[in-house]
N, C-alpha and C. Protein backbone atom coordinates (compact mmCIF):
# COMPACT_ATOMS: atom_id res chain seq x y z
N MET A 1 -31.34 259.53 174.75
CA MET A 1 -30.75 260.65 174.05
C MET A 1 -31.86 261.61 173.63
N SER A 2 -31.67 262.87 173.92
CA SER A 2 -32.65 263.85 173.49
C SER A 2 -32.33 264.23 172.05
N CYS A 3 -33.35 264.56 171.30
CA CYS A 3 -33.12 264.92 169.92
C CYS A 3 -32.64 266.36 169.84
N CYS A 4 -32.02 266.65 168.79
CA CYS A 4 -31.37 267.94 168.66
C CYS A 4 -31.91 268.68 167.45
N ARG A 5 -31.38 269.87 167.30
CA ARG A 5 -31.67 270.69 166.14
C ARG A 5 -30.40 270.67 165.29
N LEU A 6 -30.57 270.39 164.03
CA LEU A 6 -29.45 270.34 163.10
C LEU A 6 -29.65 271.46 162.08
N GLU A 7 -28.57 272.05 161.64
CA GLU A 7 -28.68 273.13 160.67
C GLU A 7 -27.83 272.86 159.45
N THR A 8 -28.29 273.37 158.33
CA THR A 8 -27.53 273.39 157.09
C THR A 8 -27.53 274.84 156.61
N GLU A 9 -27.00 275.07 155.44
CA GLU A 9 -26.97 276.42 154.91
C GLU A 9 -28.37 277.03 154.77
N ARG A 10 -29.33 276.20 154.32
CA ARG A 10 -30.68 276.73 154.07
C ARG A 10 -31.77 276.15 154.96
N LEU A 11 -31.44 275.11 155.74
CA LEU A 11 -32.47 274.37 156.45
C LEU A 11 -32.21 274.25 157.93
N LEU A 12 -33.31 274.18 158.68
CA LEU A 12 -33.28 273.80 160.09
C LEU A 12 -33.97 272.45 160.18
N LEU A 13 -33.31 271.48 160.79
CA LEU A 13 -33.89 270.17 161.02
C LEU A 13 -34.15 270.09 162.52
N ARG A 14 -35.41 269.97 162.88
CA ARG A 14 -35.81 270.04 164.29
C ARG A 14 -36.83 268.95 164.58
N PRO A 15 -37.01 268.65 165.88
CA PRO A 15 -38.02 267.65 166.21
C PRO A 15 -39.40 268.09 165.69
N PRO A 16 -40.17 267.16 165.15
CA PRO A 16 -41.52 267.52 164.69
C PRO A 16 -42.40 267.88 165.88
N GLU A 17 -43.34 268.79 165.65
CA GLU A 17 -44.21 269.30 166.71
C GLU A 17 -45.67 269.28 166.27
N GLN A 18 -46.56 269.46 167.23
CA GLN A 18 -47.99 269.48 166.93
C GLN A 18 -48.33 270.55 165.90
N ARG A 19 -47.63 271.67 165.92
CA ARG A 19 -47.92 272.75 164.97
C ARG A 19 -47.66 272.32 163.51
N ASP A 20 -46.94 271.21 163.32
CA ASP A 20 -46.64 270.72 161.98
C ASP A 20 -47.76 269.88 161.37
N VAL A 21 -48.74 269.51 162.17
CA VAL A 21 -49.78 268.59 161.70
C VAL A 21 -50.43 269.05 160.40
N PRO A 22 -50.89 270.29 160.27
CA PRO A 22 -51.51 270.68 158.98
C PRO A 22 -50.57 270.52 157.79
N ALA A 23 -49.30 270.87 157.96
CA ALA A 23 -48.34 270.74 156.86
C ALA A 23 -48.03 269.28 156.55
N ILE A 24 -47.98 268.44 157.57
CA ILE A 24 -47.76 267.00 157.35
C ILE A 24 -48.92 266.43 156.55
N VAL A 25 -50.14 266.74 156.98
CA VAL A 25 -51.33 266.22 156.30
C VAL A 25 -51.39 266.72 154.86
N SER A 26 -51.10 267.97 154.65
CA SER A 26 -51.11 268.53 153.30
C SER A 26 -50.03 267.90 152.43
N GLY A 27 -48.83 267.76 152.97
CA GLY A 27 -47.72 267.21 152.19
C GLY A 27 -47.92 265.76 151.81
N ILE A 28 -48.20 264.92 152.79
CA ILE A 28 -48.38 263.49 152.51
C ILE A 28 -49.74 263.24 151.86
N GLY A 29 -50.65 264.20 152.02
CA GLY A 29 -51.96 264.05 151.40
C GLY A 29 -51.93 264.10 149.88
N ASP A 30 -50.84 264.58 149.32
CA ASP A 30 -50.67 264.62 147.88
C ASP A 30 -50.31 263.20 147.41
N TRP A 31 -51.07 262.67 146.46
CA TRP A 31 -50.84 261.32 145.98
C TRP A 31 -49.41 261.13 145.49
N ASP A 32 -48.86 262.13 144.82
CA ASP A 32 -47.52 262.00 144.28
C ASP A 32 -46.46 261.84 145.36
N VAL A 33 -46.75 262.28 146.57
CA VAL A 33 -45.86 262.07 147.72
C VAL A 33 -46.15 260.71 148.34
N ALA A 34 -47.41 260.47 148.66
CA ALA A 34 -47.81 259.25 149.37
C ALA A 34 -47.42 257.98 148.63
N LYS A 35 -47.51 257.98 147.31
CA LYS A 35 -47.22 256.75 146.53
C LYS A 35 -45.76 256.34 146.61
N ASN A 36 -44.89 257.25 147.08
CA ASN A 36 -43.47 256.95 147.18
C ASN A 36 -43.03 256.56 148.59
N LEU A 37 -43.98 256.44 149.50
CA LEU A 37 -43.70 256.08 150.89
C LEU A 37 -44.31 254.71 151.18
N SER A 38 -43.58 253.87 151.87
CA SER A 38 -44.09 252.51 152.08
C SER A 38 -45.21 252.43 153.12
N LYS A 39 -45.15 253.25 154.16
CA LYS A 39 -46.06 253.05 155.28
C LYS A 39 -47.20 254.05 155.38
N CYS A 40 -47.30 255.00 154.49
CA CYS A 40 -48.32 256.05 154.60
C CYS A 40 -49.57 255.72 153.80
N PRO A 41 -50.71 255.77 154.45
CA PRO A 41 -51.96 255.53 153.73
C PRO A 41 -52.35 256.76 152.89
N HIS A 42 -53.23 256.52 151.95
CA HIS A 42 -53.80 257.62 151.16
C HIS A 42 -55.28 257.34 151.00
N PRO A 43 -56.13 258.28 151.29
CA PRO A 43 -55.83 259.63 151.75
C PRO A 43 -55.24 259.64 153.16
N TYR A 44 -54.46 260.68 153.43
CA TYR A 44 -53.78 260.81 154.72
C TYR A 44 -54.58 261.78 155.57
N ARG A 45 -54.97 261.31 156.75
CA ARG A 45 -55.85 262.11 157.63
C ARG A 45 -55.07 262.67 158.81
N GLU A 46 -55.63 263.67 159.44
CA GLU A 46 -55.01 264.35 160.57
C GLU A 46 -54.66 263.38 161.70
N GLU A 47 -55.52 262.41 161.93
CA GLU A 47 -55.26 261.45 163.01
C GLU A 47 -53.96 260.68 162.77
N TYR A 48 -53.62 260.42 161.50
CA TYR A 48 -52.36 259.73 161.20
C TYR A 48 -51.15 260.58 161.58
N ALA A 49 -51.26 261.88 161.37
CA ALA A 49 -50.16 262.78 161.75
C ALA A 49 -49.98 262.79 163.26
N HIS A 50 -51.08 262.81 164.00
CA HIS A 50 -50.98 262.77 165.46
C HIS A 50 -50.36 261.44 165.93
N GLU A 51 -50.73 260.34 165.28
CA GLU A 51 -50.15 259.04 165.62
C GLU A 51 -48.65 259.02 165.31
N PHE A 52 -48.26 259.61 164.17
CA PHE A 52 -46.85 259.71 163.82
C PHE A 52 -46.08 260.47 164.90
N LEU A 53 -46.61 261.59 165.34
CA LEU A 53 -45.92 262.39 166.36
C LEU A 53 -45.77 261.61 167.66
N ALA A 54 -46.80 260.86 168.05
CA ALA A 54 -46.71 260.05 169.28
C ALA A 54 -45.65 258.96 169.13
N ARG A 55 -45.60 258.30 167.97
CA ARG A 55 -44.58 257.28 167.72
C ARG A 55 -43.18 257.89 167.70
N ALA A 56 -43.07 259.10 167.18
CA ALA A 56 -41.77 259.78 167.12
C ALA A 56 -41.23 260.03 168.52
N VAL A 57 -42.10 260.43 169.44
CA VAL A 57 -41.68 260.66 170.83
C VAL A 57 -41.25 259.34 171.47
N GLU A 58 -42.04 258.29 171.25
CA GLU A 58 -41.71 256.97 171.81
C GLU A 58 -40.40 256.44 171.24
N GLY A 59 -40.22 256.56 169.93
CA GLY A 59 -39.01 256.06 169.28
C GLY A 59 -37.77 256.82 169.72
N LEU A 60 -37.91 258.11 169.91
CA LEU A 60 -36.78 258.91 170.39
C LEU A 60 -36.41 258.48 171.80
N ALA A 61 -37.40 258.29 172.65
CA ALA A 61 -37.14 257.86 174.03
C ALA A 61 -36.45 256.49 174.06
N ALA A 62 -36.81 255.63 173.12
CA ALA A 62 -36.21 254.29 173.05
C ALA A 62 -34.86 254.30 172.34
N GLY A 63 -34.52 255.41 171.70
CA GLY A 63 -33.25 255.49 170.96
C GLY A 63 -33.27 254.76 169.63
N THR A 64 -34.49 254.57 169.07
CA THR A 64 -34.61 253.83 167.81
C THR A 64 -35.07 254.70 166.64
N ASP A 65 -35.58 255.88 166.94
CA ASP A 65 -36.10 256.74 165.88
C ASP A 65 -35.71 258.19 166.15
N PHE A 66 -35.14 258.80 165.13
CA PHE A 66 -34.70 260.19 165.22
C PHE A 66 -35.32 260.93 164.04
N ASN A 67 -36.44 261.60 164.32
CA ASN A 67 -37.22 262.27 163.28
C ASN A 67 -36.97 263.77 163.31
N PHE A 68 -36.90 264.36 162.12
CA PHE A 68 -36.67 265.79 162.00
C PHE A 68 -37.64 266.40 161.01
N ALA A 69 -38.31 267.47 161.44
CA ALA A 69 -39.05 268.30 160.50
C ALA A 69 -38.02 269.10 159.72
N ILE A 70 -38.23 269.25 158.43
CA ILE A 70 -37.34 270.04 157.59
C ILE A 70 -38.01 271.40 157.38
N GLU A 71 -37.33 272.43 157.83
CA GLU A 71 -37.88 273.78 157.78
C GLU A 71 -36.89 274.70 157.08
N ARG A 72 -37.38 275.54 156.20
CA ARG A 72 -36.49 276.50 155.54
C ARG A 72 -36.14 277.61 156.52
N CYS A 73 -34.88 277.98 156.53
CA CYS A 73 -34.41 279.03 157.45
C CYS A 73 -34.95 280.41 157.08
N ASP A 74 -35.08 280.70 155.79
CA ASP A 74 -35.43 282.06 155.38
C ASP A 74 -36.88 282.44 155.66
N ASP A 75 -37.80 281.45 155.69
CA ASP A 75 -39.21 281.80 155.92
C ASP A 75 -39.94 280.82 156.84
N ASP A 76 -39.23 279.90 157.49
CA ASP A 76 -39.81 278.92 158.41
C ASP A 76 -40.83 277.99 157.75
N ALA A 77 -40.80 277.87 156.42
CA ALA A 77 -41.73 276.98 155.73
C ALA A 77 -41.40 275.53 156.06
N TYR A 78 -42.42 274.74 156.37
CA TYR A 78 -42.28 273.30 156.60
C TYR A 78 -42.15 272.64 155.24
N VAL A 79 -41.01 272.01 154.99
CA VAL A 79 -40.69 271.44 153.70
C VAL A 79 -41.03 269.95 153.64
N GLY A 80 -40.82 269.23 154.74
CA GLY A 80 -41.06 267.80 154.77
C GLY A 80 -40.48 267.20 156.03
N GLN A 81 -40.10 265.94 155.94
CA GLN A 81 -39.67 265.17 157.10
C GLN A 81 -38.51 264.27 156.71
N ILE A 82 -37.58 264.05 157.64
CA ILE A 82 -36.47 263.13 157.42
C ILE A 82 -36.16 262.47 158.74
N GLY A 83 -35.64 261.26 158.70
CA GLY A 83 -35.30 260.60 159.95
C GLY A 83 -34.42 259.39 159.75
N LEU A 84 -33.86 258.96 160.86
CA LEU A 84 -33.10 257.71 160.95
C LEU A 84 -33.86 256.77 161.86
N HIS A 85 -34.01 255.53 161.41
CA HIS A 85 -34.82 254.56 162.14
C HIS A 85 -34.03 253.26 162.26
N LEU A 86 -33.84 252.81 163.48
CA LEU A 86 -33.07 251.60 163.75
C LEU A 86 -33.90 250.36 163.43
N LYS A 87 -33.39 249.53 162.52
CA LYS A 87 -34.06 248.28 162.14
C LYS A 87 -32.99 247.21 162.05
N ASN A 88 -33.17 246.15 162.79
CA ASN A 88 -32.22 245.03 162.77
C ASN A 88 -30.78 245.48 162.99
N GLY A 89 -30.59 246.41 163.90
CA GLY A 89 -29.26 246.86 164.27
C GLY A 89 -28.61 247.85 163.33
N LYS A 90 -29.35 248.30 162.29
CA LYS A 90 -28.81 249.27 161.33
C LYS A 90 -29.81 250.40 161.15
N PHE A 91 -29.27 251.59 160.89
CA PHE A 91 -30.14 252.74 160.69
C PHE A 91 -30.56 252.87 159.24
N GLU A 92 -31.87 253.07 159.05
CA GLU A 92 -32.44 253.36 157.74
C GLU A 92 -32.76 254.85 157.70
N ILE A 93 -32.40 255.51 156.61
CA ILE A 93 -32.78 256.90 156.41
C ILE A 93 -34.04 256.93 155.55
N GLY A 94 -34.96 257.76 155.94
CA GLY A 94 -36.19 257.93 155.18
C GLY A 94 -36.56 259.40 155.16
N TYR A 95 -37.21 259.84 154.10
CA TYR A 95 -37.54 261.25 153.97
C TYR A 95 -38.68 261.43 152.98
N TRP A 96 -39.33 262.56 153.08
CA TRP A 96 -40.28 262.99 152.07
C TRP A 96 -40.31 264.52 152.08
N LEU A 97 -40.61 265.08 150.94
CA LEU A 97 -40.78 266.53 150.82
C LEU A 97 -42.13 266.81 150.21
N GLY A 98 -42.75 267.91 150.63
CA GLY A 98 -43.97 268.35 149.98
C GLY A 98 -43.67 268.68 148.52
N LYS A 99 -44.59 268.40 147.65
CA LYS A 99 -44.37 268.56 146.21
C LYS A 99 -43.88 269.96 145.81
N PRO A 100 -44.35 271.04 146.43
CA PRO A 100 -43.85 272.37 146.04
C PRO A 100 -42.35 272.54 146.27
N TYR A 101 -41.73 271.65 147.03
CA TYR A 101 -40.31 271.79 147.38
C TYR A 101 -39.40 270.82 146.62
N TRP A 102 -39.97 270.07 145.70
CA TRP A 102 -39.18 269.13 144.91
C TRP A 102 -38.24 269.88 143.98
N GLY A 103 -37.10 269.27 143.70
CA GLY A 103 -36.19 269.79 142.69
C GLY A 103 -35.36 270.99 143.12
N ARG A 104 -35.29 271.26 144.40
CA ARG A 104 -34.53 272.42 144.89
C ARG A 104 -33.30 272.03 145.71
N GLY A 105 -33.03 270.73 145.80
CA GLY A 105 -31.87 270.27 146.53
C GLY A 105 -32.07 270.13 148.03
N TYR A 106 -33.29 270.33 148.52
CA TYR A 106 -33.54 270.24 149.96
C TYR A 106 -33.34 268.83 150.50
N ALA A 107 -33.79 267.83 149.76
CA ALA A 107 -33.64 266.45 150.23
C ALA A 107 -32.17 266.08 150.35
N SER A 108 -31.37 266.44 149.36
CA SER A 108 -29.94 266.14 149.40
C SER A 108 -29.26 266.86 150.56
N GLU A 109 -29.60 268.10 150.75
CA GLU A 109 -29.00 268.90 151.84
C GLU A 109 -29.36 268.31 153.21
N ALA A 110 -30.63 267.97 153.39
CA ALA A 110 -31.08 267.40 154.66
C ALA A 110 -30.47 266.01 154.87
N ALA A 111 -30.40 265.21 153.81
CA ALA A 111 -29.86 263.85 153.93
C ALA A 111 -28.39 263.88 154.34
N ARG A 112 -27.61 264.79 153.76
CA ARG A 112 -26.20 264.91 154.15
C ARG A 112 -26.07 265.22 155.63
N ARG A 113 -26.89 266.15 156.11
CA ARG A 113 -26.78 266.56 157.52
C ARG A 113 -27.23 265.45 158.46
N VAL A 114 -28.29 264.73 158.10
CA VAL A 114 -28.78 263.65 158.94
C VAL A 114 -27.81 262.48 158.93
N ALA A 115 -27.18 262.20 157.79
CA ALA A 115 -26.17 261.14 157.74
C ALA A 115 -24.99 261.50 158.65
N LEU A 116 -24.56 262.74 158.61
CA LEU A 116 -23.48 263.18 159.50
C LEU A 116 -23.87 262.97 160.96
N PHE A 117 -25.10 263.33 161.31
CA PHE A 117 -25.62 263.10 162.67
C PHE A 117 -25.57 261.60 163.00
N GLY A 118 -25.99 260.76 162.06
CA GLY A 118 -26.00 259.31 162.30
C GLY A 118 -24.61 258.76 162.54
N PHE A 119 -23.66 259.18 161.74
CA PHE A 119 -22.30 258.65 161.87
C PHE A 119 -21.57 259.24 163.08
N LYS A 120 -21.75 260.53 163.34
CA LYS A 120 -21.01 261.15 164.45
C LYS A 120 -21.70 260.95 165.79
N SER A 121 -22.97 261.25 165.87
CA SER A 121 -23.67 261.22 167.16
C SER A 121 -24.19 259.85 167.54
N LEU A 122 -24.68 259.10 166.55
CA LEU A 122 -25.24 257.78 166.84
C LEU A 122 -24.23 256.66 166.64
N LYS A 123 -23.05 256.99 166.13
CA LYS A 123 -21.96 256.03 165.91
C LYS A 123 -22.36 254.90 164.96
N ALA A 124 -23.22 255.21 164.00
CA ALA A 124 -23.63 254.22 163.01
C ALA A 124 -22.43 253.81 162.16
N GLU A 125 -22.34 252.55 161.83
CA GLU A 125 -21.30 252.06 160.92
C GLU A 125 -21.76 252.16 159.48
N SER A 126 -23.07 252.08 159.28
CA SER A 126 -23.64 252.22 157.94
C SER A 126 -25.07 252.73 158.07
N ILE A 127 -25.55 253.27 156.98
CA ILE A 127 -26.94 253.74 156.88
C ILE A 127 -27.48 253.19 155.58
N TRP A 128 -28.67 252.63 155.60
CA TRP A 128 -29.25 252.08 154.39
C TRP A 128 -30.55 252.79 154.06
N ALA A 129 -31.03 252.56 152.88
CA ALA A 129 -32.29 253.15 152.43
C ALA A 129 -32.86 252.31 151.31
N GLY A 130 -34.10 252.59 151.00
CA GLY A 130 -34.76 251.97 149.87
C GLY A 130 -35.55 253.01 149.11
N TRP A 131 -35.61 252.86 147.80
CA TRP A 131 -36.42 253.77 146.98
C TRP A 131 -37.15 252.96 145.91
N PHE A 132 -38.42 253.31 145.72
CA PHE A 132 -39.23 252.59 144.75
C PHE A 132 -38.70 252.82 143.34
N HIS A 133 -38.73 251.77 142.53
CA HIS A 133 -38.15 251.79 141.18
C HIS A 133 -38.68 252.93 140.32
N ASP A 134 -39.89 253.39 140.59
CA ASP A 134 -40.48 254.45 139.77
C ASP A 134 -40.34 255.83 140.42
N ASN A 135 -39.39 255.95 141.35
CA ASN A 135 -39.10 257.24 141.98
C ASN A 135 -37.59 257.53 141.84
N PRO A 136 -37.11 257.71 140.62
CA PRO A 136 -35.67 257.90 140.44
C PRO A 136 -35.11 259.15 141.12
N ALA A 137 -35.95 260.14 141.38
CA ALA A 137 -35.45 261.35 142.06
C ALA A 137 -34.93 260.99 143.45
N SER A 138 -35.62 260.11 144.15
CA SER A 138 -35.15 259.68 145.46
C SER A 138 -33.85 258.89 145.33
N GLY A 139 -33.77 258.07 144.31
CA GLY A 139 -32.53 257.33 144.07
C GLY A 139 -31.37 258.27 143.81
N HIS A 140 -31.64 259.36 143.12
CA HIS A 140 -30.59 260.34 142.82
C HIS A 140 -30.10 261.02 144.10
N VAL A 141 -31.01 261.34 145.02
CA VAL A 141 -30.63 261.92 146.31
C VAL A 141 -29.67 260.99 147.03
N LEU A 142 -30.00 259.72 147.06
CA LEU A 142 -29.17 258.74 147.76
C LEU A 142 -27.85 258.50 147.06
N GLU A 143 -27.85 258.55 145.74
CA GLU A 143 -26.60 258.41 144.99
C GLU A 143 -25.67 259.58 145.29
N LYS A 144 -26.22 260.81 145.31
CA LYS A 144 -25.41 261.99 145.62
C LYS A 144 -24.85 261.93 147.04
N LEU A 145 -25.58 261.27 147.93
CA LEU A 145 -25.12 261.11 149.32
C LEU A 145 -23.92 260.16 149.39
N GLY A 146 -23.78 259.30 148.39
CA GLY A 146 -22.68 258.35 148.37
C GLY A 146 -23.11 256.91 148.55
N CYS A 147 -24.41 256.67 148.56
CA CYS A 147 -24.92 255.31 148.74
C CYS A 147 -24.57 254.44 147.54
N ARG A 148 -24.36 253.16 147.84
CA ARG A 148 -24.06 252.16 146.81
C ARG A 148 -25.22 251.16 146.72
N PRO A 149 -25.50 250.65 145.52
CA PRO A 149 -26.57 249.66 145.38
C PRO A 149 -26.32 248.45 146.28
N ASP A 150 -27.41 247.92 146.83
CA ASP A 150 -27.31 246.77 147.73
C ASP A 150 -28.47 245.79 147.51
N GLY A 151 -28.94 245.71 146.27
CA GLY A 151 -29.99 244.74 145.95
C GLY A 151 -31.34 245.37 145.72
N GLN A 152 -32.32 244.50 145.55
CA GLN A 152 -33.70 244.89 145.34
C GLN A 152 -34.59 243.94 146.10
N GLU A 153 -35.78 244.43 146.45
CA GLU A 153 -36.78 243.57 147.07
C GLU A 153 -38.15 244.22 146.90
N PRO A 154 -39.17 243.40 146.82
CA PRO A 154 -40.51 243.99 146.80
C PRO A 154 -40.84 244.51 148.20
N ARG A 155 -41.45 245.70 148.25
CA ARG A 155 -41.84 246.29 149.53
C ARG A 155 -43.28 246.74 149.39
N HIS A 156 -44.07 246.45 150.42
CA HIS A 156 -45.47 246.85 150.39
C HIS A 156 -45.61 248.36 150.50
N CYS A 157 -46.45 248.94 149.68
CA CYS A 157 -46.77 250.36 149.73
C CYS A 157 -48.24 250.47 150.14
N VAL A 158 -48.47 251.01 151.33
CA VAL A 158 -49.84 251.10 151.86
C VAL A 158 -50.71 251.96 150.95
N ALA A 159 -50.21 253.11 150.49
CA ALA A 159 -51.00 254.00 149.65
C ALA A 159 -51.42 253.32 148.34
N ARG A 160 -50.52 252.57 147.74
CA ARG A 160 -50.83 251.90 146.47
C ARG A 160 -51.63 250.62 146.69
N GLY A 161 -51.46 250.04 147.87
CA GLY A 161 -52.20 248.82 148.18
C GLY A 161 -51.58 247.56 147.60
N HIS A 162 -50.31 247.61 147.23
CA HIS A 162 -49.63 246.42 146.70
C HIS A 162 -48.12 246.60 146.84
N GLU A 163 -47.41 245.52 146.51
CA GLU A 163 -45.96 245.56 146.58
C GLU A 163 -45.39 246.31 145.38
N VAL A 164 -44.29 247.00 145.64
CA VAL A 164 -43.59 247.76 144.61
C VAL A 164 -42.11 247.37 144.71
N MET A 165 -41.44 247.23 143.57
CA MET A 165 -40.02 246.89 143.60
C MET A 165 -39.24 248.05 144.23
N CYS A 166 -38.42 247.70 145.21
CA CYS A 166 -37.66 248.68 145.98
C CYS A 166 -36.17 248.44 145.76
N ASN A 167 -35.46 249.48 145.36
CA ASN A 167 -34.01 249.42 145.21
C ASN A 167 -33.39 249.72 146.57
N LEU A 168 -32.52 248.86 147.03
CA LEU A 168 -31.86 249.04 148.31
C LEU A 168 -30.47 249.62 148.09
N VAL A 169 -30.07 250.53 148.98
CA VAL A 169 -28.74 251.14 148.91
C VAL A 169 -28.16 251.21 150.31
N ILE A 170 -26.84 251.32 150.38
CA ILE A 170 -26.17 251.40 151.67
C ILE A 170 -25.04 252.42 151.58
N LEU A 171 -24.83 253.10 152.68
CA LEU A 171 -23.76 254.09 152.80
C LEU A 171 -22.92 253.72 154.02
N SER A 172 -21.65 253.44 153.80
CA SER A 172 -20.77 253.11 154.92
C SER A 172 -20.19 254.39 155.50
N ARG A 173 -19.81 254.30 156.74
CA ARG A 173 -19.13 255.41 157.42
C ARG A 173 -17.91 255.84 156.61
N ALA A 174 -17.11 254.86 156.16
CA ALA A 174 -15.88 255.16 155.42
C ALA A 174 -16.18 255.90 154.12
N ASP A 175 -17.19 255.45 153.38
CA ASP A 175 -17.53 256.13 152.14
C ASP A 175 -18.01 257.55 152.39
N PHE A 176 -18.78 257.74 153.44
CA PHE A 176 -19.30 259.08 153.74
C PHE A 176 -18.18 260.05 154.06
N PHE A 177 -17.23 259.60 154.85
CA PHE A 177 -16.16 260.49 155.27
C PHE A 177 -14.98 260.56 154.28
N ALA A 178 -15.06 259.79 153.20
CA ALA A 178 -13.99 259.80 152.20
C ALA A 178 -14.21 260.93 151.19
N GLY A 179 -14.28 262.14 151.68
CA GLY A 179 -14.39 263.29 150.80
C GLY A 179 -15.78 263.65 150.37
N ARG A 180 -16.79 262.92 150.83
CA ARG A 180 -18.15 263.21 150.41
C ARG A 180 -18.89 264.08 151.41
N ILE A 181 -18.25 264.43 152.51
CA ILE A 181 -18.92 265.20 153.55
C ILE A 181 -18.99 266.67 153.14
N ALA A 182 -20.18 267.20 153.17
CA ALA A 182 -20.39 268.61 152.80
C ALA A 182 -21.34 269.27 153.79
N ALA A 183 -21.38 268.79 155.00
CA ALA A 183 -22.28 269.36 156.00
C ALA A 183 -21.49 270.27 156.88
């Protein structure tokens, strides 16, 4: 399956490209962003962004990873990244935004659109996610999406160098389409 471009009222979600490398490095290079991601090292170097882009191409070709750069429509600003990743037969949604874009509703808007893509195009029955206990803003994004609590587990955070308690949530196809769709 080739990846597509998804649109919302304010955002374009498109495949990440080499031109995004400086913005990726700058965004994840901020400790306040990196500490909330399980797999990103800190400091984040340009080579990591190039490795991410190569993995994104491989994952898309395999049908296991669908990554989208989040870009604002009004000025083409790179806001962050969002994606669906197949793990153990279920899709996990993951995202990050550069710190200057926090608190503007971009994560919620992008998450709604990507969930719709997952349920309609990928035929997912459910989508799950995890958020670190000390990142309630991410939990709020997932709650607004319609996710329900599904337990907790410690998850290793590469940037922090230790395990952090992770709240797990799940969104069923039925819950998403039961009046919560706004894409």
